[in-house]
């Protein structure tokens, strides 16, 4: 710990993160790095999360489980699914009231817990992953017990799921400890969902979100959706801060690049149906191969990430011999492919505020980037300022084919090497530096 941290003393922070290592994913990496580096800046986190067994086998990643300081305590609480009685969900409060009454106290808090529990079926997975209502209430109990031992000065909740925010809000009311929100992506304003949610769900989410924003000490955004929230909630904009996802150079150390015998295009990440798809790239690739059949023996495309609907299009376009879908890989393994690629494929969604977390690791690699994005969006702006990436409108197949042909023609026979100038620029987004900014925000909240 540095001298500044020692001088001002270590402060205690409760971090609420339903998804936490060994669970993998971009959002998990964000909170993981915060927890890793916060002790260097005077904040000692205690993490409150779900028991590891409830993650199942999907997206398990052991890359980050051992990188926390020894003094960081991780509390893993079990998750209990809601039981069914006489065809109806039993009231969660009725089930746990005997165990939590001494913690909750005033009946108004019991009524509010009942309000959220009864509306479990009206909320989406972004707020509550299925069956975790009781985990939230167990988390409240565990958080109260931890506070009696640790005496936290601040609570930090990361979402999604946004039920983490609800846990922080209740704990803040019970312990009188202020709380901070890390809203990685917008909740009710311009969300990812392609089709509108039922009106009741929207109403509930908007109401809960307003409660969170009105009572939190600060709300941190991972992208430019902060501008949307500042214009929608001007009376709270002084609470809003922007900390991008960034990358950790430590993740790149001692990672050997994959070696390939063909010109290799790598996409690292998960496609989302109707939002972030591989369609434009695959159609452009098929057109390129139809016009230059000799390339079929010289190039390949590797998709690193959870396999989705793009699998069918790969088959329909007869690209199975060119496009390989590797499925979800641990973070360290995915970086091996990024470092070994000749060309990195970046595909953005329809929202202009989106920066997409992988853009920072792509920039850190120094490799050539072909990006299918909103040309006037935040991700495109970052790439124009800090790289020589080729940016193509995300639905323009003809332009995508021309850009892909140019990249392949330039790259064949020339092994891609990292661009040190671009790598130096990306030090702006080092996870350690971004965590220092977080620590400064936490300091202000006190």
Protein backbone atom coordinates (compact mmCIF):
# COMPACT_ATOMS: atom_id res chain seq x y z
CA UNK A 1 0.00 0.00 0.00
CA UNK A 2 1.33 3.42 -0.95
CA UNK A 3 2.25 6.21 1.45
CA UNK A 4 -0.89 8.25 0.75
CA UNK A 5 -3.09 5.32 1.75
CA UNK A 6 -1.15 4.72 4.96
CA UNK A 7 -1.29 8.38 5.92
CA UNK A 8 -5.04 8.72 5.66
CA UNK A 9 -5.81 5.23 7.01
CA UNK A 10 -7.66 2.35 5.45
CA UNK A 11 -11.41 2.71 5.00
CA UNK A 12 -13.84 -0.20 4.89
CA UNK A 13 -16.02 -0.77 1.85
CA UNK A 14 -18.77 -3.34 1.33
CA UNK A 15 -18.98 -4.40 -2.33
CA UNK A 16 -22.19 -6.09 -3.50
CA UNK A 17 -21.68 -8.11 -6.68
CA UNK A 18 -23.93 -11.04 -7.53
CA UNK A 19 -21.55 -11.95 -10.37
CA UNK A 20 -17.98 -12.32 -9.13
CA UNK A 21 -15.06 -14.69 -9.85
CA UNK A 22 -15.01 -17.55 -10.62
CA UNK A 23 -17.86 -16.27 -12.78
CA UNK A 24 -16.41 -14.74 -15.97
CA UNK A 25 -17.51 -11.93 -18.28
CA UNK A 26 -16.75 -8.28 -19.02
CA UNK A 27 -18.84 -6.85 -16.17
CA UNK A 28 -17.22 -9.26 -13.72
CA UNK A 29 -13.76 -8.13 -14.79
CA UNK A 30 -14.66 -4.52 -14.04
CA UNK A 31 -15.61 -5.08 -10.40
CA UNK A 32 -12.81 -7.64 -10.01
CA UNK A 33 -10.17 -5.07 -10.92
CA UNK A 34 -11.73 -2.46 -8.64
CA UNK A 35 -11.54 -4.91 -5.73
CA UNK A 36 -7.98 -5.85 -6.64
CA UNK A 37 -6.59 -2.30 -6.73
CA UNK A 38 -8.72 -0.37 -4.22
CA UNK A 39 -6.50 -1.32 -1.24
CA UNK A 40 -3.66 0.59 -2.93
CA UNK A 41 -5.75 3.75 -2.60
CA UNK A 42 -6.92 3.42 0.97
CA UNK A 43 -10.10 1.33 0.61
CA UNK A 44 -10.29 -2.27 1.87
CA UNK A 45 -13.22 -4.09 0.24
CA UNK A 46 -15.35 -6.88 1.64
CA UNK A 47 -17.24 -8.58 -1.20
CA UNK A 48 -20.78 -9.89 -0.76
CA UNK A 49 -21.72 -12.33 -3.54
CA UNK A 50 -23.59 -15.55 -4.21
CA UNK A 51 -22.19 -19.00 -3.49
CA UNK A 52 -20.05 -20.29 -6.35
CA UNK A 53 -22.22 -23.36 -6.93
CA UNK A 54 -25.11 -21.21 -8.16
CA UNK A 55 -23.21 -20.02 -11.23
CA UNK A 56 -23.46 -23.49 -12.75
CA UNK A 57 -20.95 -24.35 -15.46
CA UNK A 58 -21.54 -21.41 -17.78
CA UNK A 59 -18.83 -18.77 -17.98
CA UNK A 60 -16.68 -20.17 -15.20
CA UNK A 61 -13.30 -18.46 -15.37
CA UNK A 62 -10.46 -19.10 -12.92
CA UNK A 63 -8.25 -16.36 -14.39
CA UNK A 64 -8.94 -13.87 -11.59
CA UNK A 65 -9.74 -15.91 -8.49
CA UNK A 66 -6.27 -15.57 -6.95
CA UNK A 67 -5.43 -11.94 -7.69
CA UNK A 68 -6.99 -10.28 -4.64
CA UNK A 69 -4.99 -9.08 -1.63
CA UNK A 70 -5.14 -11.53 1.27
CA UNK A 71 -6.99 -9.01 3.45
CA UNK A 72 -9.96 -8.87 1.05
CA UNK A 73 -12.83 -10.87 2.56
CA UNK A 74 -15.29 -12.57 0.19
CA UNK A 75 -18.66 -13.55 1.69
CA UNK A 76 -20.55 -16.10 -0.40
CA UNK A 77 -24.19 -16.55 0.55
CA UNK A 78 -26.47 -19.32 -0.72
CA UNK A 79 -29.30 -18.67 -3.12
CA UNK A 80 -32.69 -20.26 -2.50
CA UNK A 81 -35.32 -20.42 -5.22
CA UNK A 82 -38.84 -19.31 -4.41
CA UNK A 83 -41.07 -22.21 -3.31
CA UNK A 84 -44.54 -22.78 -4.73
CA UNK A 85 -47.61 -23.22 -2.53
CA UNK A 86 -51.14 -23.83 -3.85
CA UNK A 87 -50.10 -22.61 -7.30
CA UNK A 88 -48.84 -19.27 -5.96
CA UNK A 89 -45.48 -17.95 -4.90
CA UNK A 90 -45.24 -17.90 -1.11
CA UNK A 91 -44.45 -14.52 0.36
CA UNK A 92 -40.72 -14.22 0.84
CA UNK A 93 -41.22 -12.05 3.88
CA UNK A 94 -43.45 -14.65 5.55
CA UNK A 95 -40.68 -17.22 5.05
CA UNK A 96 -37.84 -15.17 6.50
CA UNK A 97 -39.58 -12.79 8.89
CA UNK A 98 -38.73 -14.87 11.98
CA UNK A 99 -35.03 -14.78 11.04
CA UNK A 100 -34.76 -11.18 9.89
CA UNK A 101 -37.19 -9.34 12.15
CA UNK A 102 -34.44 -8.40 14.60
CA UNK A 103 -32.47 -6.91 11.71
CA UNK A 104 -35.17 -5.13 9.80
CA UNK A 105 -36.99 -3.50 12.67
CA UNK A 106 -39.69 -1.06 11.52
CA UNK A 107 -42.59 -2.65 9.71
CA UNK A 108 -42.30 -0.21 6.82
CA UNK A 109 -39.15 -2.04 5.70
CA UNK A 110 -40.97 -5.36 5.91
CA UNK A 111 -43.72 -3.95 3.71
CA UNK A 112 -41.18 -2.72 1.17
CA UNK A 113 -39.46 -6.10 1.08
CA UNK A 114 -42.88 -7.67 0.53
CA UNK A 115 -43.55 -5.20 -2.30
CA UNK A 116 -40.47 -6.30 -4.23
CA UNK A 117 -40.90 -10.00 -3.45
CA UNK A 118 -44.50 -10.10 -4.71
CA UNK A 119 -43.39 -8.51 -7.99
CA UNK A 120 -40.58 -10.95 -8.67
CA UNK A 121 -42.53 -12.41 -11.58
CA UNK A 122 -42.93 -8.94 -13.12
CA UNK A 123 -39.21 -8.22 -13.32
CA UNK A 124 -36.74 -9.26 -15.99
CA UNK A 125 -33.48 -11.16 -15.60
CA UNK A 126 -31.59 -7.87 -15.81
CA UNK A 127 -33.08 -6.95 -12.45
CA UNK A 128 -33.36 -10.42 -10.91
CA UNK A 129 -31.77 -13.52 -12.41
CA UNK A 130 -34.48 -16.14 -12.04
CA UNK A 131 -34.99 -17.37 -8.51
CA UNK A 132 -32.73 -15.06 -6.52
CA UNK A 133 -35.22 -13.06 -4.49
CA UNK A 134 -34.26 -14.98 -1.39
CA UNK A 135 -30.58 -14.44 -2.17
CA UNK A 136 -31.17 -10.70 -1.97
CA UNK A 137 -32.71 -11.03 1.46
CA UNK A 138 -29.99 -13.41 2.62
CA UNK A 139 -27.49 -10.86 1.32
CA UNK A 140 -29.13 -8.16 3.45
CA UNK A 141 -28.78 -10.36 6.53
CA UNK A 142 -25.16 -11.23 5.68
CA UNK A 143 -24.38 -7.57 5.01
CA UNK A 144 -25.74 -6.56 8.42
CA UNK A 145 -23.64 -9.22 10.14
CA UNK A 146 -20.55 -8.12 8.23
CA UNK A 147 -21.18 -4.49 9.15
CA UNK A 148 -21.23 -5.37 12.86
CA UNK A 149 -17.76 -6.87 12.43
CA UNK A 150 -16.21 -4.45 9.94
CA UNK A 151 -18.02 -1.13 10.46
CA UNK A 152 -18.16 -0.16 6.78
CA UNK A 153 -17.93 3.48 5.82
CA UNK A 154 -19.47 3.03 2.37
CA UNK A 155 -21.36 0.46 0.27
CA UNK A 156 -20.67 -0.06 -3.45
CA UNK A 157 -23.10 -2.10 -5.57
CA UNK A 158 -22.49 -3.08 -9.19
CA UNK A 159 -25.19 -4.03 -11.68
CA UNK A 160 -26.57 -5.72 -13.56
CA UNK A 161 -28.34 -7.54 -12.03
CA UNK A 162 -29.85 -4.36 -10.63
CA UNK A 163 -31.20 -6.24 -7.64
CA UNK A 164 -27.69 -5.61 -6.25
CA UNK A 165 -28.75 -1.97 -6.03
CA UNK A 166 -31.81 -2.91 -4.02
CA UNK A 167 -29.64 -4.84 -1.56
CA UNK A 168 -27.38 -1.79 -1.17
CA UNK A 169 -30.37 0.51 -0.68
CA UNK A 170 -31.89 -1.66 2.05
CA UNK A 171 -28.54 -2.13 3.78
CA UNK A 172 -27.94 1.60 3.67
CA UNK A 173 -31.28 2.19 5.39
CA UNK A 174 -30.57 -0.40 8.07
CA UNK A 175 -26.97 0.61 8.79
CA UNK A 176 -27.08 4.34 7.93
CA UNK A 177 -24.03 3.78 5.71
CA UNK A 178 -24.16 5.71 2.38
CA UNK A 179 -24.11 3.72 -0.85
CA UNK A 180 -22.69 4.16 -4.36
CA UNK A 181 -23.97 2.57 -7.58
CA UNK A 182 -21.80 1.25 -10.40
CA UNK A 183 -24.27 1.22 -13.29
CA UNK A 184 -22.29 -0.51 -15.99
CA UNK A 185 -25.04 -0.12 -18.60
CA UNK A 186 -28.21 2.00 -18.54
CA UNK A 187 -31.12 0.42 -16.71
CA UNK A 188 -34.40 1.92 -17.94
CA UNK A 189 -33.12 4.59 -20.34
CA UNK A 190 -32.32 3.16 -23.78
CA UNK A 191 -31.61 -0.39 -22.53
CA UNK A 192 -30.40 -3.37 -24.54
CA UNK A 193 -33.81 -5.04 -24.93
CA UNK A 194 -34.96 -4.94 -28.56
CA UNK A 195 -38.70 -5.18 -27.80
CA UNK A 196 -40.36 -3.03 -25.13
CA UNK A 197 -41.06 -4.68 -21.79
CA UNK A 198 -44.62 -4.94 -20.44
CA UNK A 199 -45.84 -1.61 -19.10
CA UNK A 200 -46.02 -2.89 -15.51
CA UNK A 201 -42.41 -4.04 -15.62
CA UNK A 202 -41.30 -0.72 -17.05
CA UNK A 203 -43.22 1.16 -14.37
CA UNK A 204 -41.72 -0.91 -11.56
CA UNK A 205 -38.18 -0.55 -12.91
CA UNK A 206 -38.48 3.19 -13.43
CA UNK A 207 -39.81 3.65 -9.92
CA UNK A 208 -37.04 1.54 -8.37
CA UNK A 209 -34.38 3.27 -10.43
CA UNK A 210 -35.56 6.71 -9.31
CA UNK A 211 -35.41 5.55 -5.69
CA UNK A 212 -31.85 4.37 -6.19
CA UNK A 213 -30.69 7.55 -7.91
CA UNK A 214 -32.38 9.85 -5.42
CA UNK A 215 -30.85 8.20 -2.36
CA UNK A 216 -27.38 7.09 -3.53
CA UNK A 217 -24.30 9.20 -2.82
CA UNK A 218 -22.92 8.69 -6.34
CA UNK A 219 -23.69 6.76 -9.52
CA UNK A 220 -20.82 5.67 -11.77
CA UNK A 221 -21.33 4.84 -15.46
CA UNK A 222 -19.06 2.69 -17.62
CA UNK A 223 -20.02 4.44 -20.87
CA UNK A 224 -21.46 7.62 -22.34
CA UNK A 225 -24.99 6.78 -21.20
CA UNK A 226 -24.05 9.17 -18.39
CA UNK A 227 -25.04 12.00 -20.76
CA UNK A 228 -28.50 10.49 -21.21
CA UNK A 229 -29.00 10.19 -17.46
CA UNK A 230 -27.70 13.69 -16.80
CA UNK A 231 -30.21 15.18 -19.24
CA UNK A 232 -33.08 13.05 -17.91
CA UNK A 233 -32.31 13.59 -14.22
CA UNK A 234 -30.65 17.04 -14.12
CA UNK A 235 -31.25 17.48 -10.38
CA UNK A 236 -28.97 14.51 -9.67
CA UNK A 237 -26.33 15.02 -12.36
CA UNK A 238 -23.77 16.19 -9.80
CA UNK A 239 -23.85 12.59 -8.50
CA UNK A 240 -22.96 11.08 -11.88
CA UNK A 241 -19.41 10.03 -12.78
CA UNK A 242 -17.84 8.30 -15.76
CA UNK A 243 -15.24 5.53 -15.39
CA UNK A 244 -14.77 3.41 -18.55
CA UNK A 245 -14.02 -0.29 -18.42
CA UNK A 246 -10.37 -0.13 -19.43
CA UNK A 247 -7.89 -2.99 -19.42
CA UNK A 248 -5.28 -4.42 -17.08
CA UNK A 249 -1.77 -4.68 -18.46
CA UNK A 250 -1.12 -7.39 -15.86
CA UNK A 251 -3.53 -9.61 -17.81
CA UNK A 252 -1.28 -9.34 -20.86
CA UNK A 253 1.96 -10.16 -19.05
CA UNK A 254 3.39 -13.65 -19.59
CA UNK A 255 0.58 -14.49 -22.02
CA UNK A 256 1.96 -16.02 -25.21
CA UNK A 257 0.22 -15.13 -28.43
CA UNK A 258 -1.45 -17.96 -30.29
CA UNK A 259 0.36 -18.92 -33.47
CA UNK A 260 -1.60 -19.53 -36.65
CA UNK A 261 -0.61 -20.73 -40.11
CA UNK A 262 -3.32 -18.64 -41.80
CA UNK A 263 -4.35 -15.00 -41.81
CA UNK A 264 -6.52 -15.00 -38.70
CA UNK A 265 -9.43 -12.73 -37.83
CA UNK A 266 -10.49 -12.88 -34.18
CA UNK A 267 -13.70 -11.66 -32.57
CA UNK A 268 -13.53 -11.77 -28.77
CA UNK A 269 -16.93 -11.45 -27.13
CA UNK A 270 -20.54 -12.52 -27.33
CA UNK A 271 -23.01 -11.60 -30.03
CA UNK A 272 -26.50 -10.56 -28.89
CA UNK A 273 -29.54 -11.49 -31.04
CA UNK A 274 -31.10 -8.45 -32.66
CA UNK A 275 -28.54 -6.11 -31.16
CA UNK A 276 -24.94 -7.09 -31.80
CA UNK A 277 -24.79 -9.70 -34.54
CA UNK A 278 -22.22 -11.26 -36.86
CA UNK A 279 -24.48 -10.90 -39.91
CA UNK A 280 -22.68 -8.05 -41.67
CA UNK A 281 -19.26 -9.64 -41.21
CA UNK A 282 -20.37 -13.10 -42.33
CA UNK A 283 -22.17 -11.78 -45.42
CA UNK A 284 -19.12 -9.67 -46.33
CA UNK A 285 -16.82 -12.64 -45.79
CA UNK A 286 -18.97 -14.88 -48.00
CA UNK A 287 -18.95 -12.26 -50.79
CA UNK A 288 -15.17 -11.90 -50.52
CA UNK A 289 -14.61 -15.65 -50.73
CA UNK A 290 -17.00 -15.97 -53.66
CA UNK A 291 -14.98 -13.40 -55.60
CA UNK A 292 -11.59 -14.77 -54.47
CA UNK A 293 -11.96 -18.55 -53.89
CA UNK A 294 -8.20 -18.95 -53.36
CA UNK A 295 -8.56 -17.13 -50.02
CA UNK A 296 -10.44 -20.10 -48.55
CA UNK A 297 -7.14 -21.85 -47.94
CA UNK A 298 -5.38 -18.78 -46.59
CA UNK A 299 -7.66 -17.13 -44.05
CA UNK A 300 -9.78 -18.09 -41.05
CA UNK A 301 -12.09 -16.33 -38.60
CA UNK A 302 -12.29 -17.34 -34.93
CA UNK A 303 -15.20 -16.38 -32.69
CA UNK A 304 -14.19 -16.47 -29.02
CA UNK A 305 -17.31 -16.24 -26.88
CA UNK A 306 -20.61 -17.87 -26.08
CA UNK A 307 -22.08 -19.48 -29.20
CA UNK A 308 -25.43 -18.03 -30.26
CA UNK A 309 -27.64 -17.54 -33.31
CA UNK A 310 -24.68 -16.76 -35.56
CA UNK A 311 -24.02 -20.51 -35.68
CA UNK A 312 -26.99 -21.01 -38.02
CA UNK A 313 -25.88 -18.24 -40.40
CA UNK A 314 -22.39 -19.75 -40.55
CA UNK A 315 -23.97 -23.01 -41.73
CA UNK A 316 -26.39 -21.33 -44.14
CA UNK A 317 -23.53 -19.43 -45.81
CA UNK A 318 -21.34 -22.57 -45.99
CA UNK A 319 -18.60 -20.89 -43.96
CA UNK A 320 -18.06 -23.76 -41.52
CA UNK A 321 -14.57 -24.45 -42.88
CA UNK A 322 -13.54 -20.80 -42.48
CA UNK A 323 -15.33 -19.64 -39.32
CA UNK A 324 -14.64 -21.52 -36.11
CA UNK A 325 -16.71 -20.89 -33.00
CA UNK A 326 -14.60 -21.62 -29.95
CA UNK A 327 -17.23 -20.92 -27.29
CA UNK A 328 -16.59 -19.11 -24.03
CA UNK A 329 -12.94 -19.20 -22.92
CA UNK A 330 -11.29 -17.99 -19.70
CA UNK A 331 -10.07 -14.42 -19.93
CA UNK A 332 -6.38 -15.37 -20.08
CA UNK A 333 -7.04 -17.79 -22.95
CA UNK A 334 -9.06 -15.21 -24.87
CA UNK A 335 -6.13 -12.76 -24.65
CA UNK A 336 -3.89 -15.39 -26.26
CA UNK A 337 -6.14 -15.25 -29.31
CA UNK A 338 -6.27 -11.45 -29.28
CA UNK A 339 -2.48 -11.23 -29.17
CA UNK A 340 -2.11 -13.81 -31.94
CA UNK A 341 -4.63 -12.33 -34.35
CA UNK A 342 -3.72 -10.62 -37.61
CA UNK A 343 -6.96 -8.64 -37.53
CA UNK A 344 -9.35 -7.98 -34.63
CA UNK A 345 -13.06 -7.79 -35.40
CA UNK A 346 -15.11 -5.37 -33.31
CA UNK A 347 -18.90 -5.40 -33.62
CA UNK A 348 -21.00 -2.81 -31.83
CA UNK A 349 -24.69 -2.52 -31.08
CA UNK A 350 -27.28 -0.01 -32.17
CA UNK A 351 -26.80 2.36 -29.21
CA UNK A 352 -24.53 5.35 -29.72
CA UNK A 353 -23.57 5.47 -26.04
CA UNK A 354 -22.08 1.98 -26.17
CA UNK A 355 -18.31 1.70 -25.93
CA UNK A 356 -18.18 -2.12 -25.64
CA UNK A 357 -15.65 -3.33 -23.08
CA UNK A 358 -13.45 -5.20 -25.52
CA UNK A 359 -12.43 -2.00 -27.35
CA UNK A 360 -9.89 -1.23 -24.61
CA UNK A 361 -8.18 -4.62 -24.72
CA UNK A 362 -8.15 -4.40 -28.51
CA UNK A 363 -6.40 -1.04 -28.28
CA UNK A 364 -3.97 -2.40 -25.70
CA UNK A 365 -3.00 -5.23 -28.04
CA UNK A 366 -1.90 -2.77 -30.73
CA UNK A 367 -3.30 -5.03 -33.45
CA UNK A 368 -5.20 -3.84 -36.57
CA UNK A 369 -8.93 -3.44 -35.90
CA UNK A 370 -11.87 -3.71 -38.27
CA UNK A 371 -14.88 -2.20 -36.49
CA UNK A 372 -18.55 -2.42 -37.45
CA UNK A 373 -20.06 0.40 -35.38
CA UNK A 374 -22.37 3.37 -35.28
CA UNK A 375 -20.07 5.86 -37.10
CA UNK A 376 -21.15 8.69 -34.78
CA UNK A 377 -21.10 6.59 -31.62
CA UNK A 378 -18.81 6.64 -28.59
CA UNK A 379 -16.80 3.54 -29.59
CA UNK A 380 -16.07 4.96 -33.05
CA UNK A 381 -14.92 8.23 -31.47
CA UNK A 382 -12.48 6.42 -29.19
CA UNK A 383 -11.04 4.40 -32.07
CA UNK A 384 -10.59 7.47 -34.29
CA UNK A 385 -8.75 9.33 -31.56
CA UNK A 386 -6.46 6.52 -30.46
CA UNK A 387 -6.00 4.07 -33.33
CA UNK A 388 -5.92 3.56 -37.07
CA UNK A 389 -8.89 1.19 -36.95
CA UNK A 390 -11.04 0.89 -40.06
CA UNK A 391 -14.59 1.85 -39.08
CA UNK A 392 -17.54 0.63 -41.11
CA UNK A 393 -21.24 1.31 -40.62
CA UNK A 394 -22.52 -1.79 -38.83
CA UNK A 395 -25.16 -2.71 -41.47
CA UNK A 396 -23.25 -1.80 -44.65
CA UNK A 397 -22.28 -5.15 -46.21
CA UNK A 398 -20.72 -3.64 -49.35
CA UNK A 399 -18.44 -1.33 -47.34
CA UNK A 400 -17.64 -4.18 -44.97
CA UNK A 401 -16.59 -6.40 -47.86
CA UNK A 402 -14.28 -3.70 -49.29
CA UNK A 403 -12.71 -3.04 -45.87
CA UNK A 404 -12.25 -6.75 -45.23
CA UNK A 405 -10.64 -7.27 -48.65
CA UNK A 406 -8.25 -4.38 -48.02
CA UNK A 407 -7.28 -5.69 -44.58
CA UNK A 408 -6.70 -9.22 -45.85
CA UNK A 409 -4.69 -8.03 -48.86
CA UNK A 410 -2.43 -5.90 -46.66
CA UNK A 411 -2.07 -8.55 -44.00
CA UNK A 412 -1.35 -11.67 -46.04
CA UNK A 413 2.33 -12.52 -45.84
CA UNK A 414 3.01 -9.84 -43.21
CA UNK A 415 2.85 -10.95 -39.59
CA UNK A 416 0.99 -8.37 -37.51
CA UNK A 417 2.95 -6.94 -34.58
CA UNK A 418 1.72 -4.69 -31.77
CA UNK A 419 1.87 -0.95 -32.34
CA UNK A 420 3.83 0.44 -29.39
CA UNK A 421 2.58 4.00 -29.95
CA UNK A 422 -1.05 2.97 -29.59
CA UNK A 423 -0.23 0.78 -26.60
CA UNK A 424 1.38 3.78 -24.87
CA UNK A 425 -1.74 5.88 -25.48
CA UNK A 426 -3.97 3.27 -23.88
CA UNK A 427 -2.25 3.73 -20.52
CA UNK A 428 -5.07 6.21 -20.01
CA UNK A 429 -7.33 3.20 -19.49
CA UNK A 430 -5.20 1.11 -17.16
CA UNK A 431 -7.39 -0.54 -14.54
CA UNK A 432 -5.14 0.68 -11.73
CA UNK A 433 -5.51 4.31 -12.80
CA UNK A 434 -9.27 3.93 -13.24
CA UNK A 435 -9.50 2.44 -9.76
CA UNK A 436 -7.69 5.46 -8.37
CA UNK A 437 -10.45 7.60 -9.90
CA UNK A 438 -13.01 5.38 -8.20
CA UNK A 439 -11.24 5.81 -4.85
CA UNK A 440 -11.36 9.59 -5.27
CA UNK A 441 -15.12 9.41 -5.87
CA UNK A 442 -15.56 7.22 -2.79
CA UNK A 443 -13.56 9.74 -0.76
CA UNK A 444 -15.89 12.55 -1.88
CA UNK A 445 -18.92 10.53 -0.82
CA UNK A 446 -17.77 10.73 2.80
